[in-house]
C-alpha cells in the first residue's frame, strides 16, 4: 500500500495549504479527493491505517478532513498548525472530539452534500432485504440449500405497511418519498421538525409522539444524531411497544439502539427482522451475538459510501475550504454546545 499511497504524496509548496485526509483508503478514493482538490491544496494521505502516522502527518497540516476514522484528542494535540476541521458527513457528535476543538477555538464544518440519496437508498435496501430474509436466502443457496418454501411463513412484503420514522430531516424525508412508491404510509416523531401539512399529505405522513410511532409502525427506521439524549432511544421497553413482527432499520448511528435488547427481540421473534448499517462499536466484533442471527442483514457503515456521494462531498469540502482560507467564511459551521 505504501507504493500506492506515495503516488499521491504532495509536492511540498509553502504557498499551498496542506490538508490531511484522516482515514486510510485506496487509490480510487484518493483519486476522487485529488480530482476535487484543485491547485491550492497539498493533499496528505496515509500509507497505513496507523495512528502514529496520523499524528506525524497532521502536525504539518492546516486542515483535516475526517469521517470514518474519528478525530480524537491525540490527533488534535499533535496538530500544531491546524486551523479548520471539515467533516466529510454530518454526524460530528461522535466522530470528533469537539470539546478539544472548542478548547482550541478550531472551526468545524459539516458536509450535508452527497449524503441524502445514498443513505435513503440504503435504508430502502435494508428494509427490503430484511423483509425478504435476503442474507439468509443468499447464503443458504450458495451452500446448496434450496429453500423454495421455507421462508413463506416469515418473508414479508412492504406494500401497505406503516413506516415509523424517528427523526424527519432531509434523509428521512427522502426515505419517505421513496417508500411512498411502495404503497407505504408513515408516522414520524421529531422535536425539531414539523413538516408542512401539504408535504405531510404528499408523503403520506403524520406527526406523532415516540410512543405513537412505536405502536403504529410495522417498520421502524432511525434518522437522528447520536447525542446524550438519543443514546439507546430504542431499548427493550421501546421494542416491546412495537407490534409483533415489526422490522427495525438503522442507518444513522449504532448507539441509538440497545443492541442487547434488539438481539433478544430478534431471537424471540417479537421483532421479525432488522437491517443495520451502524453499530455501537465499530468495527463490530466477529463474535457479536447479532451476527449469528438469521433474521438480520448487516453492512459496515456504508450507506453514504458511494462513488457518487464521494465526488459530491469532496467538491463541497474543497469549495468550503477555499472560501475559508480566502475570506475566513465557512459554510455549515458547527456551533458547539
C-alpha atoms as a PDB file:
ATOM      1  CA  UNK A   1       0.000   0.000   0.000  1.00  0.00           C
ATOM      2  CA  UNK A   2       2.908   2.343   0.620  1.00  0.00           C
ATOM      3  CA  UNK A   3       3.718   2.426  -3.095  1.00  0.00           C
ATOM      4  CA  UNK A   4       0.130   3.338  -3.972  1.00  0.00           C
ATOM      5  CA  UNK A   5      -0.085   5.993  -1.256  1.00  0.00           C
ATOM      6  CA  UNK A   6       3.220   7.531  -2.301  1.00  0.00           C
ATOM      7  CA  UNK A   7       1.797   8.094  -5.774  1.00  0.00           C
ATOM      8  CA  UNK A   8      -0.469  10.638  -4.095  1.00  0.00           C
ATOM      9  CA  UNK A   9       2.172  12.209  -1.829  1.00  0.00           C
ATOM     10  CA  UNK A  10       2.043  16.014  -2.055  1.00  0.00           C
ATOM     11  CA  UNK A  11       4.713  18.112  -3.665  1.00  0.00           C
ATOM     12  CA  UNK A  12       5.541  20.492  -0.843  1.00  0.00           C
ATOM     13  CA  UNK A  13       4.820  24.109  -1.691  1.00  0.00           C
ATOM     14  CA  UNK A  14       4.932  26.705   1.096  1.00  0.00           C
ATOM     15  CA  UNK A  15       2.227  28.755  -0.638  1.00  0.00           C
ATOM     16  CA  UNK A  16      -0.255  25.894  -0.688  1.00  0.00           C
ATOM     17  CA  UNK A  17      -2.440  24.655   2.144  1.00  0.00           C
ATOM     18  CA  UNK A  18      -1.746  21.167   3.445  1.00  0.00           C
ATOM     19  CA  UNK A  19      -4.845  19.031   4.008  1.00  0.00           C
ATOM     20  CA  UNK A  20      -4.782  15.623   5.695  1.00  0.00           C
ATOM     21  CA  UNK A  21      -7.387  13.006   4.851  1.00  0.00           C
ATOM     22  CA  UNK A  22      -7.660  11.309   8.231  1.00  0.00           C
ATOM     23  CA  UNK A  23      -8.923   7.926   7.048  1.00  0.00           C
ATOM     24  CA  UNK A  24      -6.766   5.340   5.314  1.00  0.00           C
ATOM     25  CA  UNK A  25      -8.178   4.460   1.895  1.00  0.00           C
ATOM     26  CA  UNK A  26      -7.176   3.164  -1.512  1.00  0.00           C
ATOM     27  CA  UNK A  27      -6.151   4.706  -4.805  1.00  0.00           C
ATOM     28  CA  UNK A  28      -9.730   5.035  -6.012  1.00  0.00           C
ATOM     29  CA  UNK A  29     -10.768   7.171  -3.033  1.00  0.00           C
ATOM     30  CA  UNK A  30      -7.550   9.197  -3.032  1.00  0.00           C
ATOM     31  CA  UNK A  31      -8.051   9.846  -6.739  1.00  0.00           C
ATOM     32  CA  UNK A  32     -11.532  11.263  -6.165  1.00  0.00           C
ATOM     33  CA  UNK A  33     -10.168  13.583  -3.480  1.00  0.00           C
ATOM     34  CA  UNK A  34      -7.302  14.672  -5.719  1.00  0.00           C
ATOM     35  CA  UNK A  35      -9.701  15.440  -8.595  1.00  0.00           C
ATOM     36  CA  UNK A  36     -11.752  17.698  -6.304  1.00  0.00           C
ATOM     37  CA  UNK A  37      -8.921  19.499  -4.541  1.00  0.00           C
ATOM     38  CA  UNK A  38      -7.725  21.920  -7.190  1.00  0.00           C
ATOM     39  CA  UNK A  39      -4.341  23.587  -7.266  1.00  0.00           C
ATOM     40  CA  UNK A  40      -4.350  25.458  -3.973  1.00  0.00           C
ATOM     41  CA  UNK A  41      -4.067  22.407  -1.719  1.00  0.00           C
ATOM     42  CA  UNK A  42      -1.314  19.925  -0.937  1.00  0.00           C
ATOM     43  CA  UNK A  43      -3.004  16.652  -0.099  1.00  0.00           C
ATOM     44  CA  UNK A  44      -1.612  14.386   2.600  1.00  0.00           C
ATOM     45  CA  UNK A  45      -2.698  10.743   2.648  1.00  0.00           C
ATOM     46  CA  UNK A  46      -1.907   7.811   4.923  1.00  0.00           C
ATOM     47  CA  UNK A  47       0.232   4.892   3.847  1.00  0.00           C
ATOM     48  CA  UNK A  48      -1.317   2.658   6.520  1.00  0.00           C
ATOM     49  CA  UNK A  49      -4.180   2.702   8.998  1.00  0.00           C
ATOM     50  CA  UNK A  50      -1.756   3.812  11.689  1.00  0.00           C
ATOM     51  CA  UNK A  51      -2.436   6.339  14.437  1.00  0.00           C
ATOM     52  CA  UNK A  52       1.208   7.291  14.890  1.00  0.00           C
ATOM     53  CA  UNK A  53       1.363   8.183  11.199  1.00  0.00           C
ATOM     54  CA  UNK A  54      -1.785  10.275  11.603  1.00  0.00           C
ATOM     55  CA  UNK A  55      -0.199  12.269  14.396  1.00  0.00           C
ATOM     56  CA  UNK A  56       3.026  12.809  12.449  1.00  0.00           C
ATOM     57  CA  UNK A  57       1.257  13.986   9.318  1.00  0.00           C
ATOM     58  CA  UNK A  58      -1.419  16.140  10.943  1.00  0.00           C
ATOM     59  CA  UNK A  59       1.336  18.119  12.684  1.00  0.00           C
ATOM     60  CA  UNK A  60       2.188  19.910   9.424  1.00  0.00           C
ATOM     61  CA  UNK A  61      -1.361  20.439   8.138  1.00  0.00           C
ATOM     62  CA  UNK A  62      -3.622  23.480   8.249  1.00  0.00           C
ATOM     63  CA  UNK A  63      -6.780  21.468   7.556  1.00  0.00           C
ATOM     64  CA  UNK A  64      -8.033  17.937   8.111  1.00  0.00           C
ATOM     65  CA  UNK A  65     -10.931  16.030   6.554  1.00  0.00           C
ATOM     66  CA  UNK A  66     -12.409  13.417   8.879  1.00  0.00           C
ATOM     67  CA  UNK A  67     -15.219  10.883   8.718  1.00  0.00           C
ATOM     68  CA  UNK A  68     -14.873   7.126   9.201  1.00  0.00           C
ATOM     69  CA  UNK A  69     -11.817   7.478  11.431  1.00  0.00           C
ATOM     70  CA  UNK A  70     -12.761   9.699  14.389  1.00  0.00           C
ATOM     71  CA  UNK A  71     -10.711  12.798  15.108  1.00  0.00           C
ATOM     72  CA  UNK A  72      -9.543  12.328  18.680  1.00  0.00           C
ATOM     73  CA  UNK A  73      -7.768  14.468  21.258  1.00  0.00           C
ATOM     74  CA  UNK A  74      -4.427  12.840  20.462  1.00  0.00           C
ATOM     75  CA  UNK A  75      -4.650  13.950  16.837  1.00  0.00           C
ATOM     76  CA  UNK A  76      -5.730  17.476  17.749  1.00  0.00           C
ATOM     77  CA  UNK A  77      -2.929  17.869  20.271  1.00  0.00           C
ATOM     78  CA  UNK A  78      -0.414  16.915  17.560  1.00  0.00           C
ATOM     79  CA  UNK A  79      -1.908  19.374  15.053  1.00  0.00           C
ATOM     80  CA  UNK A  80       0.133  22.467  15.868  1.00  0.00           C
ATOM     81  CA  UNK A  81      -0.734  24.276  12.603  1.00  0.00           C
ATOM     82  CA  UNK A  82      -4.372  23.211  12.346  1.00  0.00           C
ATOM     83  CA  UNK A  83      -6.936  25.926  11.579  1.00  0.00           C
ATOM     84  CA  UNK A  84     -10.027  24.075  10.398  1.00  0.00           C
ATOM     85  CA  UNK A  85     -11.606  20.617  10.557  1.00  0.00           C
ATOM     86  CA  UNK A  86     -14.005  19.571   7.811  1.00  0.00           C
ATOM     87  CA  UNK A  87     -16.262  16.614   8.455  1.00  0.00           C
ATOM     88  CA  UNK A  88     -16.928  14.538   5.353  1.00  0.00           C
ATOM     89  CA  UNK A  89     -20.506  14.000   6.537  1.00  0.00           C
ATOM     90  CA  UNK A  90     -22.807  15.420   9.189  1.00  0.00           C
ATOM     91  CA  UNK A  91     -22.574  13.142  12.236  1.00  0.00           C
ATOM     92  CA  UNK A  92     -19.953  15.131  14.140  1.00  0.00           C
ATOM     93  CA  UNK A  93     -21.057  14.472  17.713  1.00  0.00           C
ATOM     94  CA  UNK A  94     -19.418  11.050  18.000  1.00  0.00           C
ATOM     95  CA  UNK A  95     -16.688  11.338  15.355  1.00  0.00           C
ATOM     96  CA  UNK A  96     -14.837  14.416  16.596  1.00  0.00           C
ATOM     97  CA  UNK A  97     -13.504  15.390  19.997  1.00  0.00           C
ATOM     98  CA  UNK A  98     -15.456  18.609  19.783  1.00  0.00           C
ATOM     99  CA  UNK A  99     -14.657  19.539  23.373  1.00  0.00           C
ATOM    100  CA  UNK A 100     -10.987  19.746  22.397  1.00  0.00           C
ATOM    101  CA  UNK A 101     -11.815  21.616  19.184  1.00  0.00           C
ATOM    102  CA  UNK A 102     -13.828  24.101  21.217  1.00  0.00           C
ATOM    103  CA  UNK A 103     -10.989  24.496  23.720  1.00  0.00           C
ATOM    104  CA  UNK A 104      -8.542  25.196  20.889  1.00  0.00           C
ATOM    105  CA  UNK A 105     -11.043  27.525  19.163  1.00  0.00           C
ATOM    106  CA  UNK A 106     -10.799  25.456  15.978  1.00  0.00           C
ATOM    107  CA  UNK A 107     -13.538  25.651  13.371  1.00  0.00           C
ATOM    108  CA  UNK A 108     -15.549  22.564  12.410  1.00  0.00           C
ATOM    109  CA  UNK A 109     -17.665  22.409   9.259  1.00  0.00           C
ATOM    110  CA  UNK A 110     -20.058  19.720   8.033  1.00  0.00           C
ATOM    111  CA  UNK A 111     -20.846  18.404   4.564  1.00  0.00           C
ATOM    112  CA  UNK A 112     -24.569  17.803   4.050  1.00  0.00           C
ATOM    113  CA  UNK A 113     -23.988  17.457   0.303  1.00  0.00           C
ATOM    114  CA  UNK A 114     -23.801  13.960  -1.101  1.00  0.00           C
ATOM    115  CA  UNK A 115     -25.338  12.097   1.848  1.00  0.00           C
ATOM    116  CA  UNK A 116     -29.100  12.165   1.352  1.00  0.00           C
ATOM    117  CA  UNK A 117     -29.604   9.941  -1.696  1.00  0.00           C
ATOM    118  CA  UNK A 118     -27.121   7.241  -0.706  1.00  0.00           C
ATOM    119  CA  UNK A 119     -28.450   6.870   2.833  1.00  0.00           C
ATOM    120  CA  UNK A 120     -32.077   6.990   1.707  1.00  0.00           C
ATOM    121  CA  UNK A 121     -31.496   4.313  -0.925  1.00  0.00           C
ATOM    122  CA  UNK A 122     -29.570   2.163   1.555  1.00  0.00           C
ATOM    123  CA  UNK A 123     -32.391   2.453   4.077  1.00  0.00           C
ATOM    124  CA  UNK A 124     -34.850   1.140   1.494  1.00  0.00           C
ATOM    125  CA  UNK A 125     -32.356  -1.585   0.573  1.00  0.00           C
ATOM    126  CA  UNK A 126     -32.128  -2.776   4.189  1.00  0.00           C
ATOM    127  CA  UNK A 127     -35.907  -2.677   4.638  1.00  0.00           C
ATOM    128  CA  UNK A 128     -36.446  -4.869   1.576  1.00  0.00           C
ATOM    129  CA  UNK A 129     -33.565  -7.213   2.413  1.00  0.00           C
ATOM    130  CA  UNK A 130     -34.748  -7.649   5.999  1.00  0.00           C
ATOM    131  CA  UNK A 131     -38.369  -8.188   4.968  1.00  0.00           C
ATOM    132  CA  UNK A 132     -37.413 -10.907   2.446  1.00  0.00           C
ATOM    133  CA  UNK A 133     -34.634 -12.521   4.570  1.00  0.00           C
ATOM    134  CA  UNK A 134     -32.206 -11.857   1.734  1.00  0.00           C
ATOM    135  CA  UNK A 135     -28.894 -12.650   3.524  1.00  0.00           C
ATOM    136  CA  UNK A 136     -30.218 -15.998   4.771  1.00  0.00           C
ATOM    137  CA  UNK A 137     -31.643 -16.994   1.390  1.00  0.00           C
ATOM    138  CA  UNK A 138     -28.443 -15.962  -0.397  1.00  0.00           C
ATOM    139  CA  UNK A 139     -26.026 -17.731   1.965  1.00  0.00           C
ATOM    140  CA  UNK A 140     -28.147 -20.892   2.108  1.00  0.00           C
ATOM    141  CA  UNK A 141     -28.436 -21.075  -1.665  1.00  0.00           C
ATOM    142  CA  UNK A 142     -24.666 -20.715  -2.019  1.00  0.00           C
ATOM    143  CA  UNK A 143     -24.299 -23.567   0.473  1.00  0.00           C
ATOM    144  CA  UNK A 144     -26.537 -25.814  -1.655  1.00  0.00           C
ATOM    145  CA  UNK A 145     -29.892 -25.410   0.128  1.00  0.00           C
ATOM    146  CA  UNK A 146     -32.953 -24.650  -1.998  1.00  0.00           C
ATOM    147  CA  UNK A 147     -35.427 -23.034   0.429  1.00  0.00           C
ATOM    148  CA  UNK A 148     -38.240 -22.578  -2.044  1.00  0.00           C
ATOM    149  CA  UNK A 149     -40.911 -22.886   0.698  1.00  0.00           C
ATOM    150  CA  UNK A 150     -39.013 -22.383   3.955  1.00  0.00           C
ATOM    151  CA  UNK A 151     -39.380 -18.584   4.045  1.00  0.00           C
ATOM    152  CA  UNK A 152     -43.019 -18.268   3.046  1.00  0.00           C
ATOM    153  CA  UNK A 153     -44.098 -18.094   6.683  1.00  0.00           C
ATOM    154  CA  UNK A 154     -41.754 -15.244   7.653  1.00  0.00           C
ATOM    155  CA  UNK A 155     -40.966 -13.287   4.477  1.00  0.00           C
ATOM    156  CA  UNK A 156     -42.974 -10.071   4.178  1.00  0.00           C
ATOM    157  CA  UNK A 157     -43.967  -7.517   1.557  1.00  0.00           C
ATOM    158  CA  UNK A 158     -43.734  -3.841   2.463  1.00  0.00           C
ATOM    159  CA  UNK A 159     -46.716  -2.654   0.425  1.00  0.00           C
ATOM    160  CA  UNK A 160     -49.356  -1.184   2.714  1.00  0.00           C
ATOM    161  CA  UNK A 161     -47.110  -1.141   5.770  1.00  0.00           C
ATOM    162  CA  UNK A 162     -46.854   1.748   8.194  1.00  0.00           C
ATOM    163  CA  UNK A 163     -43.323   3.102   8.495  1.00  0.00           C
ATOM    164  CA  UNK A 164     -42.344   4.770  11.759  1.00  0.00           C
ATOM    165  CA  UNK A 165     -39.685   7.457  11.479  1.00  0.00           C
ATOM    166  CA  UNK A 166     -37.629   8.585  14.451  1.00  0.00           C
ATOM    167  CA  UNK A 167     -36.390  11.870  13.032  1.00  0.00           C
ATOM    168  CA  UNK A 168     -37.726  13.691   9.971  1.00  0.00           C
ATOM    169  CA  UNK A 169     -34.788  15.590   8.470  1.00  0.00           C
ATOM    170  CA  UNK A 170     -33.764  15.580   4.824  1.00  0.00           C
ATOM    171  CA  UNK A 171     -32.750  11.890   4.794  1.00  0.00           C
ATOM    172  CA  UNK A 172     -35.958  10.662   6.421  1.00  0.00           C
ATOM    173  CA  UNK A 173     -37.980  12.778   4.000  1.00  0.00           C
ATOM    174  CA  UNK A 174     -36.066  11.202   1.097  1.00  0.00           C
ATOM    175  CA  UNK A 175     -36.804   7.746   2.513  1.00  0.00           C
ATOM    176  CA  UNK A 176     -40.493   8.590   2.862  1.00  0.00           C
ATOM    177  CA  UNK A 177     -40.591   9.822  -0.730  1.00  0.00           C
ATOM    178  CA  UNK A 178     -39.171   6.530  -1.964  1.00  0.00           C
ATOM    179  CA  UNK A 179     -41.346   4.337   0.253  1.00  0.00           C
ATOM    180  CA  UNK A 180     -44.464   6.120  -0.914  1.00  0.00           C
ATOM    181  CA  UNK A 181     -43.878   4.431  -4.271  1.00  0.00           C
ATOM    182  CA  UNK A 182     -44.088   1.083  -2.446  1.00  0.00           C
ATOM    183  CA  UNK A 183     -47.506   1.978  -1.034  1.00  0.00           C
ATOM    184  CA  UNK A 184     -46.302   2.785   2.475  1.00  0.00           C
ATOM    185  CA  UNK A 185     -47.787   5.380   4.803  1.00  0.00           C
ATOM    186  CA  UNK A 186     -45.903   6.735   7.799  1.00  0.00           C
ATOM    187  CA  UNK A 187     -45.888   8.384  11.185  1.00  0.00           C
ATOM    188  CA  UNK A 188     -42.918  10.381  12.430  1.00  0.00           C
ATOM    189  CA  UNK A 189     -41.612  11.987  15.572  1.00  0.00           C
ATOM    190  CA  UNK A 190     -39.097  14.810  15.639  1.00  0.00           C
ATOM    191  CA  UNK A 191     -38.938  17.547  18.290  1.00  0.00           C
ATOM    192  CA  UNK A 192     -37.175  19.860  15.856  1.00  0.00           C
ATOM    193  CA  UNK A 193     -39.114  19.275  12.638  1.00  0.00           C
ATOM    194  CA  UNK A 194     -42.788  19.593  11.788  1.00  0.00           C
ATOM    195  CA  UNK A 195     -43.486  19.249   8.097  1.00  0.00           C
ATOM    196  CA  UNK A 196     -45.878  21.499   6.249  1.00  0.00           C
ATOM    197  CA  UNK A 197     -49.310  19.836   6.094  1.00  0.00           C
ATOM    198  CA  UNK A 198     -49.120  19.758   2.293  1.00  0.00           C
ATOM    199  CA  UNK A 199     -45.782  17.935   2.473  1.00  0.00           C
ATOM    200  CA  UNK A 200     -47.189  15.503   5.023  1.00  0.00           C
ATOM    201  CA  UNK A 201     -50.128  14.779   2.752  1.00  0.00           C
ATOM    202  CA  UNK A 202     -47.896  14.343  -0.283  1.00  0.00           C
ATOM    203  CA  UNK A 203     -45.631  11.883   1.540  1.00  0.00           C
ATOM    204  CA  UNK A 204     -48.450  10.083   3.335  1.00  0.00           C
ATOM    205  CA  UNK A 205     -47.122  11.083   6.743  1.00  0.00           C
ATOM    206  CA  UNK A 206     -48.479  12.366  10.016  1.00  0.00           C
ATOM    207  CA  UNK A 207     -46.689  13.606  13.116  1.00  0.00           C
ATOM    208  CA  UNK A 208     -46.926  11.887  16.493  1.00  0.00           C
ATOM    209  CA  UNK A 209     -45.108  11.061  19.712  1.00  0.00           C
ATOM    210  CA  UNK A 210     -42.417   8.409  20.008  1.00  0.00           C
ATOM    211  CA  UNK A 211     -44.948   6.088  21.647  1.00  0.00           C
ATOM    212  CA  UNK A 212     -47.313   6.716  18.731  1.00  0.00           C
ATOM    213  CA  UNK A 213     -44.575   5.841  16.256  1.00  0.00           C
ATOM    214  CA  UNK A 214     -43.643   2.659  18.113  1.00  0.00           C
ATOM    215  CA  UNK A 215     -47.221   1.454  18.452  1.00  0.00           C
ATOM    216  CA  UNK A 216     -48.195   2.114  14.832  1.00  0.00           C
ATOM    217  CA  UNK A 217     -45.024   1.099  12.961  1.00  0.00           C
ATOM    218  CA  UNK A 218     -44.679  -2.112  11.016  1.00  0.00           C
ATOM    219  CA  UNK A 219     -41.233  -0.849  10.024  1.00  0.00           C
ATOM    220  CA  UNK A 220     -39.161   1.395  12.303  1.00  0.00           C
ATOM    221  CA  UNK A 221     -36.339   3.466  10.803  1.00  0.00           C
ATOM    222  CA  UNK A 222     -34.000   5.829  12.682  1.00  0.00           C
ATOM    223  CA  UNK A 223     -32.748   9.179  11.374  1.00  0.00           C
ATOM    224  CA  UNK A 224     -31.411  11.213  14.312  1.00  0.00           C
ATOM    225  CA  UNK A 225     -27.875  12.064  15.501  1.00  0.00           C
ATOM    226  CA  UNK A 226     -26.304  10.294  18.439  1.00  0.00           C
ATOM    227  CA  UNK A 227     -26.361  12.572  21.479  1.00  0.00           C
ATOM    228  CA  UNK A 228     -26.709  12.141  25.224  1.00  0.00           C
ATOM    229  CA  UNK A 229     -30.486  12.330  24.852  1.00  0.00           C
ATOM    230  CA  UNK A 230     -30.774   9.922  21.904  1.00  0.00           C
ATOM    231  CA  UNK A 231     -28.388   7.186  23.082  1.00  0.00           C
ATOM    232  CA  UNK A 232     -30.399   3.943  23.350  1.00  0.00           C
ATOM    233  CA  UNK A 233     -33.559   5.796  22.396  1.00  0.00           C
ATOM    234  CA  UNK A 234     -34.704   2.356  21.268  1.00  0.00           C
ATOM    235  CA  UNK A 235     -34.290  -0.138  24.106  1.00  0.00           C
ATOM    236  CA  UNK A 236     -36.149  -3.139  25.485  1.00  0.00           C
ATOM    237  CA  UNK A 237     -39.194  -1.119  26.564  1.00  0.00           C
ATOM    238  CA  UNK A 238     -39.491   0.638  23.197  1.00  0.00           C
ATOM    239  CA  UNK A 239     -39.123  -2.614  21.234  1.00  0.00           C
ATOM    240  CA  UNK A 240     -41.801  -4.202  23.424  1.00  0.00           C
ATOM    241  CA  UNK A 241     -44.207  -1.394  22.456  1.00  0.00           C
ATOM    242  CA  UNK A 242     -43.882  -2.310  18.777  1.00  0.00           C
ATOM    243  CA  UNK A 243     -46.390  -4.620  17.167  1.00  0.00           C
ATOM    244  CA  UNK A 244     -45.204  -8.250  16.966  1.00  0.00           C
ATOM    245  CA  UNK A 245     -43.488  -8.949  13.650  1.00  0.00           C
ATOM    246  CA  UNK A 246     -42.035  -5.489  13.112  1.00  0.00           C
ATOM    247  CA  UNK A 247     -38.852  -4.633  11.250  1.00  0.00           C
ATOM    248  CA  UNK A 248     -36.150  -2.328  12.670  1.00  0.00           C
ATOM    249  CA  UNK A 249     -33.677  -0.491  10.438  1.00  0.00           C
ATOM    250  CA  UNK A 250     -30.836   1.828  11.449  1.00  0.00           C
ATOM    251  CA  UNK A 251     -28.630   3.783   9.038  1.00  0.00           C
ATOM    252  CA  UNK A 252     -27.961   6.666  11.458  1.00  0.00           C
ATOM    253  CA  UNK A 253     -25.776   5.759  14.461  1.00  0.00           C
ATOM    254  CA  UNK A 254     -25.366   2.443  16.262  1.00  0.00           C
ATOM    255  CA  UNK A 255     -25.698   3.869  19.754  1.00  0.00           C
ATOM    256  CA  UNK A 256     -29.319   4.770  19.108  1.00  0.00           C
ATOM    257  CA  UNK A 257     -30.328   1.157  19.696  1.00  0.00           C
ATOM    258  CA  UNK A 258     -29.660  -1.051  22.706  1.00  0.00           C
ATOM    259  CA  UNK A 259     -28.153  -3.921  20.720  1.00  0.00           C
ATOM    260  CA  UNK A 260     -28.566  -6.459  23.548  1.00  0.00           C
ATOM    261  CA  UNK A 261     -32.278  -5.695  23.660  1.00  0.00           C
ATOM    262  CA  UNK A 262     -32.547  -5.855  19.875  1.00  0.00           C
ATOM    263  CA  UNK A 263     -30.818  -9.250  19.753  1.00  0.00           C
ATOM    264  CA  UNK A 264     -33.233 -10.573  22.375  1.00  0.00           C
ATOM    265  CA  UNK A 265     -36.251  -9.248  20.453  1.00  0.00           C
ATOM    266  CA  UNK A 266     -34.947 -10.826  17.235  1.00  0.00           C
ATOM    267  CA  UNK A 267     -34.353 -14.187  18.937  1.00  0.00           C
ATOM    268  CA  UNK A 268     -37.840 -14.188  20.449  1.00  0.00           C
ATOM    269  CA  UNK A 269     -39.444 -13.271  17.114  1.00  0.00           C
ATOM    270  CA  UNK A 270     -41.158 -10.182  18.527  1.00  0.00           C
ATOM    271  CA  UNK A 271     -39.047  -8.248  16.037  1.00  0.00           C
ATOM    272  CA  UNK A 272     -39.303 -10.137  12.758  1.00  0.00           C
ATOM    273  CA  UNK A 273     -36.092  -8.819  11.242  1.00  0.00           C
ATOM    274  CA  UNK A 274     -33.583  -5.972  11.370  1.00  0.00           C
ATOM    275  CA  UNK A 275     -31.261  -4.158   8.998  1.00  0.00           C
ATOM    276  CA  UNK A 276     -28.242  -2.396  10.482  1.00  0.00           C
ATOM    277  CA  UNK A 277     -25.579  -0.308   8.785  1.00  0.00           C
ATOM    278  CA  UNK A 278     -24.224   1.102  12.063  1.00  0.00           C
ATOM    279  CA  UNK A 279     -23.221  -0.388  15.402  1.00  0.00           C
ATOM    280  CA  UNK A 280     -22.483   0.661  18.952  1.00  0.00           C
ATOM    281  CA  UNK A 281     -18.855  -0.403  18.465  1.00  0.00           C
ATOM    282  CA  UNK A 282     -17.315  -0.151  15.015  1.00  0.00           C
ATOM    283  CA  UNK A 283     -15.971  -2.352  13.566  1.00  0.00           C
ATOM    284  CA  UNK A 284     -18.412  -4.800  15.129  1.00  0.00           C
ATOM    285  CA  UNK A 285     -16.755  -7.821  16.790  1.00  0.00           C
ATOM    286  CA  UNK A 286     -16.869 -11.034  14.764  1.00  0.00           C
ATOM    287  CA  UNK A 287     -18.391 -12.897  17.715  1.00  0.00           C
ATOM    288  CA  UNK A 288     -21.115 -10.315  18.362  1.00  0.00           C
ATOM    289  CA  UNK A 289     -24.430 -12.137  19.024  1.00  0.00           C
ATOM    290  CA  UNK A 290     -26.191 -10.072  16.372  1.00  0.00           C
ATOM    291  CA  UNK A 291     -24.065 -11.623  13.629  1.00  0.00           C
ATOM    292  CA  UNK A 292     -25.233 -15.129  14.483  1.00  0.00           C
ATOM    293  CA  UNK A 293     -28.917 -14.370  13.907  1.00  0.00           C
ATOM    294  CA  UNK A 294     -30.582 -15.445  10.634  1.00  0.00           C
ATOM    295  CA  UNK A 295     -33.125 -12.612  10.670  1.00  0.00           C
ATOM    296  CA  UNK A 296     -30.735  -9.670  10.389  1.00  0.00           C
ATOM    297  CA  UNK A 297     -28.943  -8.014   7.487  1.00  0.00           C
ATOM    298  CA  UNK A 298     -25.783  -6.053   8.269  1.00  0.00           C
ATOM    299  CA  UNK A 299     -23.495  -3.712   6.327  1.00  0.00           C
ATOM    300  CA  UNK A 300     -20.316  -1.928   7.508  1.00  0.00           C
ATOM    301  CA  UNK A 301     -21.454   1.725   7.782  1.00  0.00           C
ATOM    302  CA  UNK A 302     -21.551   2.179   4.013  1.00  0.00           C
ATOM    303  CA  UNK A 303     -24.925   3.819   3.410  1.00  0.00           C
ATOM    304  CA  UNK A 304     -23.338   7.085   2.224  1.00  0.00           C
ATOM    305  CA  UNK A 305     -20.257   5.363   0.831  1.00  0.00           C
ATOM    306  CA  UNK A 306     -20.831   5.592  -2.889  1.00  0.00           C
ATOM    307  CA  UNK A 307     -18.602   6.985  -5.598  1.00  0.00           C
ATOM    308  CA  UNK A 308     -21.352   9.438  -6.492  1.00  0.00           C
ATOM    309  CA  UNK A 309     -21.628  10.706  -2.920  1.00  0.00           C
ATOM    310  CA  UNK A 310     -17.854  10.920  -2.505  1.00  0.00           C
ATOM    311  CA  UNK A 311     -17.486  13.132  -5.567  1.00  0.00           C
ATOM    312  CA  UNK A 312     -20.240  15.467  -4.376  1.00  0.00           C
ATOM    313  CA  UNK A 313     -18.823  15.581  -0.858  1.00  0.00           C
ATOM    314  CA  UNK A 314     -15.251  16.331  -1.877  1.00  0.00           C
ATOM    315  CA  UNK A 315     -16.333  19.039  -4.314  1.00  0.00           C
ATOM    316  CA  UNK A 316     -18.292  20.688  -1.492  1.00  0.00           C
ATOM    317  CA  UNK A 317     -15.464  20.260   1.033  1.00  0.00           C
ATOM    318  CA  UNK A 318     -12.846  21.940  -1.112  1.00  0.00           C
ATOM    319  CA  UNK A 319     -15.190  24.750  -2.147  1.00  0.00           C
ATOM    320  CA  UNK A 320     -15.709  25.421   1.532  1.00  0.00           C
ATOM    321  CA  UNK A 321     -12.016  25.189   2.400  1.00  0.00           C
ATOM    322  CA  UNK A 322     -11.191  27.580  -0.434  1.00  0.00           C
ATOM    323  CA  UNK A 323     -13.760  30.001   0.970  1.00  0.00           C
ATOM    324  CA  UNK A 324     -12.345  29.684   4.476  1.00  0.00           C
ATOM    325  CA  UNK A 325      -8.721  30.260   3.537  1.00  0.00           C
ATOM    326  CA  UNK A 326      -9.652  33.131   1.219  1.00  0.00           C
ATOM    327  CA  UNK A 327     -12.141  35.080   3.326  1.00  0.00           C
ATOM    328  CA  UNK A 328     -12.489  33.350   6.689  1.00  0.00           C
ATOM    329  CA  UNK A 329     -16.102  32.418   5.917  1.00  0.00           C
ATOM    330  CA  UNK A 330     -17.163  28.810   6.442  1.00  0.00           C
ATOM    331  CA  UNK A 331     -20.466  27.298   5.361  1.00  0.00           C
ATOM    332  CA  UNK A 332     -22.171  24.677   7.556  1.00  0.00           C
ATOM    333  CA  UNK A 333     -20.040  25.619  10.543  1.00  0.00           C
ATOM    334  CA  UNK A 334     -20.882  23.856  13.800  1.00  0.00           C
ATOM    335  CA  UNK A 335     -21.858  25.942  16.803  1.00  0.00           C
ATOM    336  CA  UNK A 336     -20.575  23.902  19.716  1.00  0.00           C
ATOM    337  CA  UNK A 337     -22.806  23.435  22.768  1.00  0.00           C
END
